[in-house]
PDB file of N, CA and C in Angstrom:
ATOM      1  N   UNK A   1      52.884 -67.807  93.929  1.00  0.00           N
ATOM      2  CA  UNK A   1      53.654 -67.454  92.666  1.00  0.00           C
ATOM      3  C   UNK A   1      53.210 -67.957  91.504  1.00  0.00           C
ATOM      4  N   UNK A   2      52.920 -67.292  90.490  1.00  0.00           N
ATOM      5  CA  UNK A   2      52.343 -67.715  89.453  1.00  0.00           C
ATOM      6  C   UNK A   2      53.181 -68.724  88.740  1.00  0.00           C
ATOM      7  N   UNK A   3      52.487 -69.717  88.069  1.00  0.00           N
ATOM      8  CA  UNK A   3      53.478 -70.513  87.126  1.00  0.00           C
ATOM      9  C   UNK A   3      52.997 -70.604  85.684  1.00  0.00           C
ATOM     10  N   UNK A   4      53.900 -71.062  84.996  1.00  0.00           N
ATOM     11  CA  UNK A   4      53.601 -71.038  83.374  1.00  0.00           C
ATOM     12  C   UNK A   4      53.966 -72.460  82.865  1.00  0.00           C
ATOM     13  N   UNK A   5      53.258 -72.783  81.890  1.00  0.00           N
ATOM     14  CA  UNK A   5      53.565 -73.912  81.058  1.00  0.00           C
ATOM     15  C   UNK A   5      54.862 -73.758  80.441  1.00  0.00           C
ATOM     16  N   UNK A   6      55.698 -74.788  80.431  1.00  0.00           N
ATOM     17  CA  UNK A   6      57.028 -74.999  79.652  1.00  0.00           C
ATOM     18  C   UNK A   6      56.805 -75.270  78.304  1.00  0.00           C
ATOM     19  N   UNK A   7      55.546 -75.602  78.066  1.00  0.00           N
ATOM     20  CA  UNK A   7      55.149 -76.236  76.573  1.00  0.00           C
ATOM     21  C   UNK A   7      54.382 -75.317  75.920  1.00  0.00           C
ATOM     22  N   UNK A   8      54.662 -75.325  74.495  1.00  0.00           N
ATOM     23  CA  UNK A   8      53.942 -74.408  73.493  1.00  0.00           C
ATOM     24  C   UNK A   8      53.021 -75.490  72.720  1.00  0.00           C
ATOM     25  N   UNK A   9      51.723 -75.289  72.741  1.00  0.00           N
ATOM     26  CA  UNK A   9      50.977 -76.443  72.095  1.00  0.00           C
ATOM     27  C   UNK A   9      51.235 -76.525  70.413  1.00  0.00           C
ATOM     28  N   UNK A  10      51.134 -77.681  70.034  1.00  0.00           N
ATOM     29  CA  UNK A  10      51.488 -77.769  68.549  1.00  0.00           C
ATOM     30  C   UNK A  10      50.469 -76.939  67.841  1.00  0.00           C
ATOM     31  N   UNK A  11      51.249 -76.043  66.724  1.00  0.00           N
ATOM     32  CA  UNK A  11      50.324 -75.298  65.843  1.00  0.00           C
ATOM     33  C   UNK A  11      50.049 -73.928  66.423  1.00  0.00           C
ATOM     34  N   UNK A  12      50.680 -73.698  67.452  1.00  0.00           N
ATOM     35  CA  UNK A  12      50.570 -72.236  68.030  1.00  0.00           C
ATOM     36  C   UNK A  12      52.043 -71.458  67.894  1.00  0.00           C
ATOM     37  N   UNK A  13      51.830 -70.170  67.813  1.00  0.00           N
ATOM     38  CA  UNK A  13      53.128 -69.499  67.668  1.00  0.00           C
ATOM     39  C   UNK A  13      53.761 -69.334  68.876  1.00  0.00           C
ATOM     40  N   UNK A  14      55.206 -69.665  68.794  1.00  0.00           N
ATOM     41  CA  UNK A  14      56.071 -69.527  69.970  1.00  0.00           C
ATOM     42  C   UNK A  14      56.113 -68.152  70.512  1.00  0.00           C
ATOM     43  N   UNK A  15      56.301 -67.946  71.852  1.00  0.00           N
ATOM     44  CA  UNK A  15      56.410 -66.753  72.403  1.00  0.00           C
ATOM     45  C   UNK A  15      57.905 -66.042  72.062  1.00  0.00           C
ATOM     46  N   UNK A  16      57.903 -64.826  71.903  1.00  0.00           N
ATOM     47  CA  UNK A  16      59.119 -63.998  71.565  1.00  0.00           C
ATOM     48  C   UNK A  16      60.302 -64.222  72.825  1.00  0.00           C
ATOM     49  N   UNK A  17      61.500 -64.627  72.462  1.00  0.00           N
ATOM     50  CA  UNK A  17      62.486 -64.437  73.526  1.00  0.00           C
ATOM     51  C   UNK A  17      63.780 -64.076  72.962  1.00  0.00           C
ATOM     52  N   UNK A  18      64.654 -63.708  73.825  1.00  0.00           N
ATOM     53  CA  UNK A  18      66.164 -63.323  73.463  1.00  0.00           C
ATOM     54  C   UNK A  18      67.003 -64.104  74.188  1.00  0.00           C
ATOM     55  N   UNK A  19      68.035 -64.247  73.415  1.00  0.00           N
ATOM     56  CA  UNK A  19      69.259 -65.121  73.883  1.00  0.00           C
ATOM     57  C   UNK A  19      70.572 -64.751  73.619  1.00  0.00           C
ATOM     58  N   UNK A  20      71.504 -65.084  73.990  1.00  0.00           N
ATOM     59  CA  UNK A  20      72.896 -64.507  73.841  1.00  0.00           C
ATOM     60  C   UNK A  20      73.475 -65.455  72.719  1.00  0.00           C
ATOM     61  N   UNK A  21      74.107 -64.740  71.699  1.00  0.00           N
ATOM     62  CA  UNK A  21      74.828 -65.452  70.418  1.00  0.00           C
ATOM     63  C   UNK A  21      76.387 -65.699  70.917  1.00  0.00           C
ATOM     64  N   UNK A  22      76.816 -66.491  70.165  1.00  0.00           N
ATOM     65  CA  UNK A  22      78.203 -66.943  70.379  1.00  0.00           C
ATOM     66  C   UNK A  22      79.160 -65.693  70.117  1.00  0.00           C
ATOM     67  N   UNK A  23      78.793 -64.796  69.283  1.00  0.00           N
ATOM     68  CA  UNK A  23      79.653 -63.366  69.263  1.00  0.00           C
ATOM     69  C   UNK A  23      79.287 -62.465  70.106  1.00  0.00           C
ATOM     70  N   UNK A  24      78.546 -62.631  71.318  1.00  0.00           N
ATOM     71  CA  UNK A  24      78.338 -61.486  72.201  1.00  0.00           C
ATOM     72  C   UNK A  24      77.022 -60.750  71.928  1.00  0.00           C
ATOM     73  N   UNK A  25      76.372 -60.713  70.870  1.00  0.00           N
ATOM     74  CA  UNK A  25      75.169 -60.083  70.654  1.00  0.00           C
ATOM     75  C   UNK A  25      74.126 -60.943  71.025  1.00  0.00           C
ATOM     76  N   UNK A  26      72.892 -60.448  70.955  1.00  0.00           N
ATOM     77  CA  UNK A  26      71.796 -60.883  71.283  1.00  0.00           C
ATOM     78  C   UNK A  26      70.864 -61.330  69.975  1.00  0.00           C
ATOM     79  N   UNK A  27      70.128 -62.332  70.169  1.00  0.00           N
ATOM     80  CA  UNK A  27      69.217 -62.723  68.942  1.00  0.00           C
ATOM     81  C   UNK A  27      67.944 -63.016  69.562  1.00  0.00           C
ATOM     82  N   UNK A  28      66.813 -62.288  68.701  1.00  0.00           N
ATOM     83  CA  UNK A  28      65.507 -62.521  69.287  1.00  0.00           C
ATOM     84  C   UNK A  28      64.686 -63.237  68.295  1.00  0.00           C
ATOM     85  N   UNK A  29      63.882 -64.169  68.766  1.00  0.00           N
ATOM     86  CA  UNK A  29      63.053 -64.909  67.684  1.00  0.00           C
ATOM     87  C   UNK A  29      62.306 -63.990  66.793  1.00  0.00           C
ATOM     88  N   UNK A  30      61.849 -62.979  67.351  1.00  0.00           N
ATOM     89  CA  UNK A  30      61.044 -62.155  66.524  1.00  0.00           C
ATOM     90  C   UNK A  30      61.805 -61.504  65.292  1.00  0.00           C
ATOM     91  N   UNK A  31      63.041 -61.555  65.404  1.00  0.00           N
ATOM     92  CA  UNK A  31      63.972 -61.183  64.069  1.00  0.00           C
ATOM     93  C   UNK A  31      63.783 -62.183  62.919  1.00  0.00           C
ATOM     94  N   UNK A  32      63.432 -63.506  63.396  1.00  0.00           N
ATOM     95  CA  UNK A  32      63.324 -64.407  62.097  1.00  0.00           C
ATOM     96  C   UNK A  32      61.696 -64.787  61.964  1.00  0.00           C
ATOM     97  N   UNK A  33      60.843 -64.004  62.308  1.00  0.00           N
ATOM     98  CA  UNK A  33      59.494 -64.097  61.906  1.00  0.00           C
ATOM     99  C   UNK A  33      59.003 -64.227  60.461  1.00  0.00           C
ATOM    100  N   UNK A  34      59.739 -63.420  59.731  1.00  0.00           N
ATOM    101  CA  UNK A  34      59.338 -63.289  58.363  1.00  0.00           C
ATOM    102  C   UNK A  34      60.025 -64.612  57.481  1.00  0.00           C
ATOM    103  N   UNK A  35      61.088 -65.202  58.046  1.00  0.00           N
ATOM    104  CA  UNK A  35      61.488 -66.277  57.371  1.00  0.00           C
ATOM    105  C   UNK A  35      60.572 -67.404  57.178  1.00  0.00           C
ATOM    106  N   UNK A  36      60.820 -68.302  56.298  1.00  0.00           N
ATOM    107  CA  UNK A  36      59.996 -69.291  55.851  1.00  0.00           C
ATOM    108  C   UNK A  36      60.030 -70.507  56.991  1.00  0.00           C
ATOM    109  N   UNK A  37      61.361 -70.615  57.450  1.00  0.00           N
ATOM    110  CA  UNK A  37      61.612 -71.891  58.184  1.00  0.00           C
ATOM    111  C   UNK A  37      62.640 -71.431  59.506  1.00  0.00           C
ATOM    112  N   UNK A  38      62.260 -71.740  60.799  1.00  0.00           N
ATOM    113  CA  UNK A  38      63.098 -71.430  61.741  1.00  0.00           C
ATOM    114  C   UNK A  38      63.230 -72.716  62.678  1.00  0.00           C
ATOM    115  N   UNK A  39      64.194 -73.348  62.948  1.00  0.00           N
ATOM    116  CA  UNK A  39      64.623 -74.452  63.608  1.00  0.00           C
ATOM    117  C   UNK A  39      65.198 -74.042  65.060  1.00  0.00           C
ATOM    118  N   UNK A  40      64.606 -74.604  66.088  1.00  0.00           N
ATOM    119  CA  UNK A  40      64.915 -74.260  67.420  1.00  0.00           C
ATOM    120  C   UNK A  40      65.412 -75.635  68.004  1.00  0.00           C
ATOM    121  N   UNK A  41      66.680 -75.442  68.695  1.00  0.00           N
ATOM    122  CA  UNK A  41      67.225 -76.608  69.330  1.00  0.00           C
ATOM    123  C   UNK A  41      67.379 -76.235  70.813  1.00  0.00           C
ATOM    124  N   UNK A  42      67.063 -77.021  71.714  1.00  0.00           N
ATOM    125  CA  UNK A  42      67.486 -76.741  73.103  1.00  0.00           C
ATOM    126  C   UNK A  42      67.814 -77.893  73.733  1.00  0.00           C
ATOM    127  N   UNK A  43      69.182 -77.647  74.183  1.00  0.00           N
ATOM    128  CA  UNK A  43      69.887 -78.989  74.631  1.00  0.00           C
ATOM    129  C   UNK A  43      69.922 -78.671  76.296  1.00  0.00           C
ATOM    130  N   UNK A  44      69.609 -79.634  76.910  1.00  0.00           N
ATOM    131  CA  UNK A  44      69.646 -79.574  78.604  1.00  0.00           C
ATOM    132  C   UNK A  44      70.954 -79.636  79.057  1.00  0.00           C
ATOM    133  N   UNK A  45      71.957 -80.104  78.488  1.00  0.00           N
ATOM    134  CA  UNK A  45      73.355 -80.249  78.802  1.00  0.00           C
ATOM    135  C   UNK A  45      74.027 -81.435  78.110  1.00  0.00           C
ATOM    136  N   UNK A  46      75.437 -81.328  78.510  1.00  0.00           N
ATOM    137  CA  UNK A  46      76.226 -82.200  77.768  1.00  0.00           C
ATOM    138  C   UNK A  46      76.664 -83.454  78.774  1.00  0.00           C
ATOM    139  N   UNK A  47      77.014 -84.407  78.360  1.00  0.00           N
ATOM    140  CA  UNK A  47      77.410 -85.527  79.318  1.00  0.00           C
ATOM    141  C   UNK A  47      78.677 -86.171  78.842  1.00  0.00           C
TER     142      UNK A  47
END
């Protein structure tokens, strides 16, 4: 089974991905590539 790194090296472009939005639509990272800044926050869970 191939394995992939879970980390993107600093200074490299993040791979494109798609996630569900709260309104039921989908959001792709590539939709925001032309913007000056994009902030990504990934939470592992709530306690």
